[in-house]
Amino acid sequence: MRLPPFTHDFLLLFAGPLVWSVHFVAIYGLNGIVCARPGVAARWLGWGWEAWAIVGLGAAAAAVLGACLLARPRSETEHSRRFVRWTSRALAGLAVLAIVWETLAVLLVPTCSDVG
């Protein structure tokens, strides 16, 4: 199924904020569930499984944004294509910075099992 050019470009434009918001909800939801229901405290290289899951989700989100950067806009005019390309790359870059910032909490903040 091929999307119409407007829908394709609209999704491409907002891929960064969409991927970031899904990542945000996923890691904070996971962390909330793990802290509310402590269970197995398996550790590997000093980190619990939830920390590895958060790092993995961050890497997956960054990979999705990298793939979105390879997509080409399908607008009808060159001016529109340049605008969509530049704006989508800028928003994806900001989203990657936000994802890295959120993932840094794994290194800086103790986990629920370490605190209590």
N, C-alpha and C. Protein backbone atom coordinates (compact mmCIF):
# COMPACT_ATOMS: atom_id res chain seq x y z
N MET A 1 0.85 -1.18 0.00
CA MET A 1 0.00 0.00 0.00
C MET A 1 0.89 1.24 0.00
N ARG A 2 0.70 2.07 -0.95
CA ARG A 2 1.49 3.30 -1.08
C ARG A 2 0.65 4.47 -0.57
N LEU A 3 1.22 5.21 0.37
CA LEU A 3 0.52 6.36 0.95
C LEU A 3 0.49 7.52 -0.03
N PRO A 4 -0.55 8.34 0.05
CA PRO A 4 -0.55 9.58 -0.76
C PRO A 4 0.62 10.48 -0.33
N PRO A 5 1.11 11.33 -1.23
CA PRO A 5 2.28 12.18 -0.90
C PRO A 5 2.08 13.02 0.37
N PHE A 6 0.89 13.59 0.56
CA PHE A 6 0.68 14.41 1.76
C PHE A 6 0.81 13.59 3.03
N THR A 7 0.19 12.42 3.06
CA THR A 7 0.24 11.56 4.25
C THR A 7 1.66 11.09 4.51
N HIS A 8 2.35 10.71 3.46
CA HIS A 8 3.75 10.27 3.59
C HIS A 8 4.61 11.38 4.18
N ASP A 9 4.50 12.57 3.63
CA ASP A 9 5.31 13.69 4.11
C ASP A 9 4.91 14.13 5.51
N PHE A 10 3.64 14.06 5.83
CA PHE A 10 3.17 14.42 7.17
C PHE A 10 3.76 13.46 8.20
N LEU A 11 3.71 12.16 7.92
CA LEU A 11 4.28 11.19 8.84
C LEU A 11 5.80 11.32 8.92
N LEU A 12 6.42 11.62 7.81
CA LEU A 12 7.87 11.83 7.80
C LEU A 12 8.25 13.05 8.63
N LEU A 13 7.48 14.12 8.50
CA LEU A 13 7.74 15.33 9.27
C LEU A 13 7.69 15.07 10.77
N PHE A 14 6.70 14.33 11.20
CA PHE A 14 6.48 14.14 12.63
C PHE A 14 6.98 12.79 13.13
N ALA A 15 7.84 12.12 12.38
CA ALA A 15 8.39 10.84 12.82
C ALA A 15 9.21 11.01 14.10
N GLY A 16 10.00 12.06 14.17
CA GLY A 16 10.83 12.29 15.36
C GLY A 16 10.00 12.43 16.63
N PRO A 17 9.06 13.38 16.67
CA PRO A 17 8.25 13.50 17.88
C PRO A 17 7.39 12.26 18.17
N LEU A 18 6.93 11.58 17.13
CA LEU A 18 6.12 10.37 17.35
C LEU A 18 6.96 9.25 17.96
N VAL A 19 8.14 9.02 17.42
CA VAL A 19 9.02 7.98 17.95
C VAL A 19 9.45 8.34 19.37
N TRP A 20 9.78 9.60 19.60
CA TRP A 20 10.17 10.02 20.94
C TRP A 20 9.04 9.80 21.94
N SER A 21 7.81 10.16 21.57
CA SER A 21 6.70 10.01 22.52
C SER A 21 6.41 8.54 22.82
N VAL A 22 6.51 7.67 21.83
CA VAL A 22 6.32 6.24 22.07
C VAL A 22 7.44 5.72 22.98
N HIS A 23 8.67 6.16 22.74
CA HIS A 23 9.79 5.77 23.59
C HIS A 23 9.59 6.26 25.02
N PHE A 24 9.16 7.49 25.17
CA PHE A 24 8.94 8.08 26.49
C PHE A 24 7.91 7.28 27.28
N VAL A 25 6.78 7.00 26.66
CA VAL A 25 5.72 6.24 27.33
C VAL A 25 6.20 4.82 27.65
N ALA A 26 6.95 4.21 26.74
CA ALA A 26 7.41 2.83 26.94
C ALA A 26 8.38 2.74 28.12
N ILE A 27 9.38 3.63 28.17
CA ILE A 27 10.37 3.47 29.24
C ILE A 27 9.82 3.87 30.60
N TYR A 28 8.99 4.91 30.65
CA TYR A 28 8.43 5.29 31.93
C TYR A 28 7.34 4.33 32.37
N GLY A 29 6.61 3.76 31.43
CA GLY A 29 5.64 2.72 31.78
C GLY A 29 6.33 1.48 32.31
N LEU A 30 7.40 1.05 31.61
CA LEU A 30 8.17 -0.10 32.07
C LEU A 30 8.76 0.15 33.45
N ASN A 31 9.35 1.31 33.64
CA ASN A 31 9.96 1.63 34.92
C ASN A 31 8.91 1.70 36.04
N GLY A 32 7.75 2.24 35.73
CA GLY A 32 6.68 2.30 36.74
C GLY A 32 6.20 0.93 37.14
N ILE A 33 6.04 0.05 36.17
CA ILE A 33 5.59 -1.31 36.47
C ILE A 33 6.65 -2.06 37.27
N VAL A 34 7.91 -1.92 36.88
CA VAL A 34 8.99 -2.61 37.59
C VAL A 34 9.10 -2.10 39.02
N CYS A 35 8.95 -0.81 39.23
CA CYS A 35 9.05 -0.26 40.59
C CYS A 35 7.82 -0.62 41.44
N ALA A 36 6.66 -0.72 40.82
CA ALA A 36 5.45 -1.06 41.57
C ALA A 36 5.40 -2.54 41.91
N ARG A 37 5.97 -3.37 41.04
CA ARG A 37 5.95 -4.81 41.22
C ARG A 37 7.38 -5.36 41.17
N PRO A 38 8.15 -5.13 42.22
CA PRO A 38 9.52 -5.65 42.17
C PRO A 38 9.51 -7.17 42.11
N GLY A 39 10.37 -7.69 41.30
CA GLY A 39 10.43 -9.14 41.13
C GLY A 39 11.87 -9.60 41.11
N VAL A 40 12.21 -10.31 40.09
CA VAL A 40 13.55 -10.85 39.95
C VAL A 40 14.55 -9.71 39.80
N ALA A 41 15.57 -9.73 40.61
CA ALA A 41 16.59 -8.69 40.57
C ALA A 41 17.84 -9.20 39.87
N ALA A 42 17.65 -9.81 38.71
CA ALA A 42 18.80 -10.33 37.96
C ALA A 42 19.67 -9.18 37.48
N ARG A 43 20.97 -9.35 37.65
CA ARG A 43 21.91 -8.31 37.25
C ARG A 43 22.90 -8.88 36.24
N TRP A 44 23.30 -8.01 35.32
CA TRP A 44 24.32 -8.38 34.36
C TRP A 44 25.19 -7.15 34.14
N LEU A 45 26.47 -7.27 34.40
CA LEU A 45 27.43 -6.16 34.32
C LEU A 45 27.01 -4.98 35.19
N GLY A 46 26.41 -5.28 36.33
CA GLY A 46 26.04 -4.25 37.28
C GLY A 46 24.69 -3.60 37.06
N TRP A 47 24.01 -3.93 35.98
CA TRP A 47 22.70 -3.35 35.70
C TRP A 47 21.63 -4.43 35.79
N GLY A 48 20.46 -4.01 36.23
CA GLY A 48 19.31 -4.92 36.24
C GLY A 48 18.73 -5.06 34.84
N TRP A 49 17.84 -6.03 34.69
CA TRP A 49 17.27 -6.28 33.36
C TRP A 49 16.48 -5.08 32.86
N GLU A 50 15.85 -4.33 33.79
CA GLU A 50 15.06 -3.17 33.35
C GLU A 50 15.95 -2.07 32.78
N ALA A 51 17.16 -1.91 33.33
CA ALA A 51 18.08 -0.92 32.78
C ALA A 51 18.52 -1.31 31.37
N TRP A 52 18.78 -2.60 31.18
CA TRP A 52 19.15 -3.07 29.83
C TRP A 52 17.99 -2.91 28.86
N ALA A 53 16.76 -3.12 29.35
CA ALA A 53 15.59 -2.94 28.48
C ALA A 53 15.45 -1.48 28.07
N ILE A 54 15.69 -0.56 28.99
CA ILE A 54 15.59 0.86 28.67
C ILE A 54 16.67 1.27 27.66
N VAL A 55 17.88 0.78 27.84
CA VAL A 55 18.94 1.07 26.88
C VAL A 55 18.59 0.48 25.51
N GLY A 56 18.05 -0.73 25.51
CA GLY A 56 17.65 -1.36 24.25
C GLY A 56 16.54 -0.60 23.55
N LEU A 57 15.56 -0.12 24.33
CA LEU A 57 14.48 0.67 23.74
C LEU A 57 15.01 1.99 23.17
N GLY A 58 15.98 2.58 23.85
CA GLY A 58 16.59 3.80 23.33
C GLY A 58 17.34 3.56 22.03
N ALA A 59 18.06 2.46 21.97
CA ALA A 59 18.79 2.12 20.74
C ALA A 59 17.82 1.82 19.60
N ALA A 60 16.73 1.13 19.91
CA ALA A 60 15.73 0.81 18.88
C ALA A 60 15.07 2.09 18.36
N ALA A 61 14.75 3.01 19.26
CA ALA A 61 14.12 4.27 18.84
C ALA A 61 15.08 5.08 17.97
N ALA A 62 16.36 5.11 18.35
CA ALA A 62 17.34 5.84 17.53
C ALA A 62 17.50 5.18 16.16
N ALA A 63 17.43 3.85 16.11
CA ALA A 63 17.53 3.16 14.82
C ALA A 63 16.33 3.46 13.93
N VAL A 64 15.15 3.53 14.52
CA VAL A 64 13.95 3.88 13.74
C VAL A 64 14.09 5.28 13.18
N LEU A 65 14.58 6.21 13.99
CA LEU A 65 14.77 7.58 13.50
C LEU A 65 15.84 7.63 12.41
N GLY A 66 16.86 6.82 12.55
CA GLY A 66 17.87 6.75 11.49
C GLY A 66 17.27 6.25 10.18
N ALA A 67 16.39 5.27 10.27
CA ALA A 67 15.72 4.77 9.07
C ALA A 67 14.80 5.82 8.47
N CYS A 68 14.17 6.61 9.32
CA CYS A 68 13.29 7.67 8.82
C CYS A 68 14.08 8.74 8.06
N LEU A 69 15.33 8.93 8.43
CA LEU A 69 16.16 9.92 7.74
C LEU A 69 16.46 9.50 6.30
N LEU A 70 16.37 8.21 6.03
CA LEU A 70 16.63 7.72 4.68
C LEU A 70 15.43 7.89 3.75
N ALA A 71 14.25 8.09 4.32
CA ALA A 71 13.05 8.24 3.50
C ALA A 71 13.08 9.60 2.80
N ARG A 72 12.60 9.61 1.58
CA ARG A 72 12.58 10.85 0.79
C ARG A 72 11.17 11.42 0.74
N PRO A 73 11.06 12.73 0.90
CA PRO A 73 9.74 13.37 0.77
C PRO A 73 9.19 13.18 -0.64
N ARG A 74 7.86 13.18 -0.74
CA ARG A 74 7.22 13.00 -2.05
C ARG A 74 6.36 14.20 -2.43
N SER A 75 6.66 15.37 -1.90
CA SER A 75 5.91 16.56 -2.27
C SER A 75 6.08 16.86 -3.76
N GLU A 76 5.17 17.66 -4.28
CA GLU A 76 5.20 17.94 -5.71
C GLU A 76 6.26 18.96 -6.10
N THR A 77 6.55 19.92 -5.24
CA THR A 77 7.52 20.95 -5.59
C THR A 77 8.84 20.73 -4.86
N GLU A 78 9.92 21.19 -5.45
CA GLU A 78 11.24 21.04 -4.84
C GLU A 78 11.34 21.83 -3.54
N HIS A 79 10.71 23.01 -3.50
CA HIS A 79 10.72 23.82 -2.29
C HIS A 79 10.06 23.07 -1.14
N SER A 80 8.95 22.43 -1.38
CA SER A 80 8.26 21.66 -0.35
C SER A 80 9.09 20.47 0.09
N ARG A 81 9.74 19.80 -0.83
CA ARG A 81 10.58 18.65 -0.49
C ARG A 81 11.75 19.07 0.39
N ARG A 82 12.36 20.21 0.06
CA ARG A 82 13.47 20.69 0.89
C ARG A 82 13.00 21.05 2.29
N PHE A 83 11.82 21.69 2.39
CA PHE A 83 11.28 22.05 3.69
C PHE A 83 11.00 20.80 4.52
N VAL A 84 10.35 19.81 3.93
CA VAL A 84 10.02 18.58 4.66
C VAL A 84 11.31 17.87 5.07
N ARG A 85 12.28 17.79 4.18
CA ARG A 85 13.55 17.12 4.48
C ARG A 85 14.26 17.81 5.64
N TRP A 86 14.38 19.14 5.57
CA TRP A 86 15.09 19.88 6.62
C TRP A 86 14.36 19.79 7.95
N THR A 87 13.06 20.00 7.94
CA THR A 87 12.29 20.00 9.18
C THR A 87 12.25 18.61 9.80
N SER A 88 12.08 17.58 8.99
CA SER A 88 12.04 16.22 9.55
C SER A 88 13.39 15.84 10.15
N ARG A 89 14.48 16.25 9.52
CA ARG A 89 15.81 15.97 10.07
C ARG A 89 16.04 16.74 11.37
N ALA A 90 15.59 17.98 11.42
CA ALA A 90 15.75 18.77 12.65
C ALA A 90 14.95 18.17 13.80
N LEU A 91 13.70 17.79 13.52
CA LEU A 91 12.88 17.19 14.57
C LEU A 91 13.41 15.82 14.98
N ALA A 92 13.93 15.05 14.04
CA ALA A 92 14.52 13.75 14.38
C ALA A 92 15.77 13.94 15.23
N GLY A 93 16.57 14.96 14.91
CA GLY A 93 17.75 15.25 15.72
C GLY A 93 17.39 15.63 17.14
N LEU A 94 16.37 16.47 17.30
CA LEU A 94 15.91 16.83 18.63
C LEU A 94 15.36 15.61 19.37
N ALA A 95 14.67 14.74 18.65
CA ALA A 95 14.14 13.53 19.28
C ALA A 95 15.26 12.61 19.74
N VAL A 96 16.33 12.49 18.94
CA VAL A 96 17.46 11.65 19.36
C VAL A 96 18.10 12.24 20.61
N LEU A 97 18.25 13.56 20.68
CA LEU A 97 18.79 14.18 21.89
C LEU A 97 17.91 13.89 23.10
N ALA A 98 16.60 13.96 22.93
CA ALA A 98 15.68 13.66 24.03
C ALA A 98 15.78 12.20 24.45
N ILE A 99 15.91 11.31 23.49
CA ILE A 99 16.03 9.88 23.80
C ILE A 99 17.33 9.60 24.56
N VAL A 100 18.42 10.21 24.13
CA VAL A 100 19.70 10.04 24.83
C VAL A 100 19.59 10.60 26.24
N TRP A 101 18.96 11.75 26.39
CA TRP A 101 18.80 12.38 27.70
C TRP A 101 18.00 11.48 28.64
N GLU A 102 16.94 10.89 28.15
CA GLU A 102 16.12 10.00 28.97
C GLU A 102 16.88 8.72 29.31
N THR A 103 17.67 8.23 28.40
CA THR A 103 18.40 6.99 28.63
C THR A 103 19.57 7.20 29.59
N LEU A 104 20.08 8.42 29.68
CA LEU A 104 21.16 8.71 30.63
C LEU A 104 20.73 8.50 32.07
N ALA A 105 19.44 8.54 32.34
CA ALA A 105 18.96 8.31 33.70
C ALA A 105 19.34 6.92 34.20
N VAL A 106 19.51 5.97 33.29
CA VAL A 106 19.93 4.62 33.67
C VAL A 106 21.30 4.68 34.35
N LEU A 107 22.17 5.55 33.87
CA LEU A 107 23.51 5.66 34.44
C LEU A 107 23.57 6.51 35.70
N LEU A 108 22.66 7.48 35.81
CA LEU A 108 22.77 8.48 36.87
C LEU A 108 21.87 8.25 38.07
N VAL A 109 20.75 7.57 37.89
CA VAL A 109 19.76 7.43 38.94
C VAL A 109 19.72 5.96 39.38
N PRO A 110 19.73 5.71 40.69
CA PRO A 110 19.65 4.32 41.14
C PRO A 110 18.28 3.71 40.81
N THR A 111 18.27 2.40 40.59
CA THR A 111 17.01 1.72 40.29
C THR A 111 16.20 1.51 41.55
N CYS A 112 14.97 1.11 41.37
CA CYS A 112 14.07 0.87 42.51
C CYS A 112 14.62 -0.21 43.43
N SER A 113 15.23 -1.24 42.88
CA SER A 113 15.77 -2.33 43.69
C SER A 113 16.99 -1.88 44.48
N ASP A 114 17.71 -0.86 44.01
CA ASP A 114 18.88 -0.34 44.73
C ASP A 114 18.47 0.57 45.90
N VAL A 115 17.36 1.27 45.76
CA VAL A 115 16.92 2.24 46.77
C VAL A 115 16.29 1.55 47.96
N GLY A 116 15.39 0.65 47.70
CA GLY A 116 14.60 0.06 48.79
C GLY A 116 15.08 -1.24 49.14
